[in-house]
Amino acid sequence: MRPDVSQDVFRLQNTRVTANVEPSNTAARSHGSITMDNDAYGRYRGEVQICKRDLGADHRVNVIGRVIEEDIPLLSLLKPGQTIKLIIE
């Protein structure tokens, strides 16, 4: 996780890319959604976040996954700079 704090999302460190990230599934983002900024977000393209709260749809942000329901309460324990591991199920 990045050490700087955002009120809306946990931002993962070193996830920005230079390759194209086409807009896809730019739906509303619920608490626990895992997202990736797409080409429309410019220099933030590829940045991955986990939503701390419900957020509306944004054409610049792709929803790429979700924290499993039983792990949602653990999000309140995360701290800036902490290491996390995302597992695909």
Protein backbone atom coordinates (compact mmCIF):
# COMPACT_ATOMS: atom_id res chain seq x y z
CA MET A 1 0.00 0.00 0.00
CA ARG A 2 1.09 3.54 -0.64
CA PRO A 3 2.03 5.49 2.49
CA ASP A 4 -0.13 8.51 1.55
CA VAL A 5 -3.74 8.40 2.74
CA SER A 6 -6.93 8.77 0.70
CA GLN A 7 -10.36 9.03 2.30
CA ASP A 8 -12.00 6.94 -0.46
CA VAL A 9 -9.53 4.20 -1.43
CA PHE A 10 -6.45 2.25 -0.43
CA ARG A 11 -3.94 2.83 -3.24
CA LEU A 12 -1.53 0.04 -4.10
CA GLN A 13 2.06 1.05 -4.69
CA ASN A 14 3.93 0.63 -8.01
CA THR A 15 0.92 -0.40 -10.10
CA ARG A 16 0.93 2.36 -12.74
CA VAL A 17 1.66 1.20 -16.30
CA THR A 18 2.56 2.74 -19.64
CA ALA A 19 0.64 0.10 -21.65
CA ASN A 20 -2.95 0.83 -22.69
CA VAL A 21 -5.72 0.11 -20.18
CA GLU A 22 -8.95 0.33 -22.14
CA PRO A 23 -12.13 1.43 -20.31
CA SER A 24 -14.08 -1.65 -19.24
CA ASN A 25 -16.68 -2.28 -16.51
CA THR A 26 -16.71 1.35 -15.39
CA ALA A 27 -19.58 0.58 -13.00
CA ALA A 28 -20.42 1.90 -9.54
CA ARG A 29 -17.81 0.86 -6.99
CA SER A 30 -18.96 -0.64 -3.69
CA HIS A 31 -16.95 -0.94 -0.48
CA GLY A 32 -14.35 -3.65 -1.18
CA SER A 33 -14.28 -3.20 -4.97
CA ILE A 34 -10.84 -3.57 -6.55
CA THR A 35 -10.31 -1.04 -9.32
CA MET A 36 -7.75 -0.01 -11.93
CA ASP A 37 -7.49 3.44 -13.49
CA ASN A 38 -7.80 3.27 -17.27
CA ASP A 39 -6.34 5.37 -20.12
CA ALA A 40 -8.76 8.23 -19.41
CA TYR A 41 -6.97 8.84 -16.08
CA GLY A 42 -3.73 9.83 -17.82
CA ARG A 43 -0.58 9.39 -15.74
CA TYR A 44 -2.49 7.33 -13.14
CA ARG A 45 -3.26 4.62 -15.75
CA GLY A 46 -2.93 1.16 -14.23
CA GLU A 47 -3.09 2.31 -10.61
CA VAL A 48 -4.93 -0.28 -8.51
CA GLN A 49 -7.10 0.64 -5.53
CA ILE A 50 -9.44 -0.98 -3.02
CA CYS A 51 -12.53 1.06 -2.17
CA LYS A 52 -12.98 2.07 1.48
CA ARG A 53 -16.58 3.11 0.85
CA ASP A 54 -19.23 3.05 -1.87
CA LEU A 55 -18.36 5.30 -4.82
CA GLY A 56 -20.23 6.12 -8.00
CA ALA A 57 -19.24 5.00 -11.47
CA ASP A 58 -16.36 6.88 -13.11
CA HIS A 59 -15.55 6.46 -16.80
CA ARG A 60 -11.82 6.64 -15.88
CA VAL A 61 -11.93 3.69 -13.44
CA ASN A 62 -12.40 -0.02 -14.27
CA VAL A 63 -13.81 -2.38 -11.64
CA ILE A 64 -11.57 -5.46 -11.89
CA GLY A 65 -12.51 -7.47 -8.80
CA ARG A 66 -13.87 -7.57 -5.28
CA VAL A 67 -12.58 -8.42 -1.81
CA ILE A 68 -14.45 -11.53 -0.65
CA GLU A 69 -17.29 -10.74 1.74
CA GLU A 70 -15.74 -12.44 4.78
CA ASP A 71 -12.59 -10.28 4.41
CA ILE A 72 -14.41 -6.91 4.12
CA PRO A 73 -14.14 -6.30 7.92
CA LEU A 74 -10.35 -6.64 7.63
CA LEU A 75 -10.18 -3.52 5.45
CA SER A 76 -10.73 -1.37 8.55
CA LEU A 77 -7.44 -2.73 9.94
CA LEU A 78 -5.26 -1.69 6.98
CA LYS A 79 -2.68 1.04 7.55
CA PRO A 80 -0.74 3.21 5.06
CA GLY A 81 2.45 1.50 3.88
CA GLN A 82 1.25 -1.95 4.95
CA THR A 83 1.91 -4.93 2.69
CA ILE A 84 -1.11 -6.88 1.43
CA LYS A 85 -1.53 -9.86 -0.87
CA LEU A 86 -4.37 -10.19 -3.37
CA ILE A 87 -5.35 -13.78 -4.21
CA ILE A 88 -7.44 -14.64 -7.26
CA GLU A 89 -10.15 -17.20 -6.51
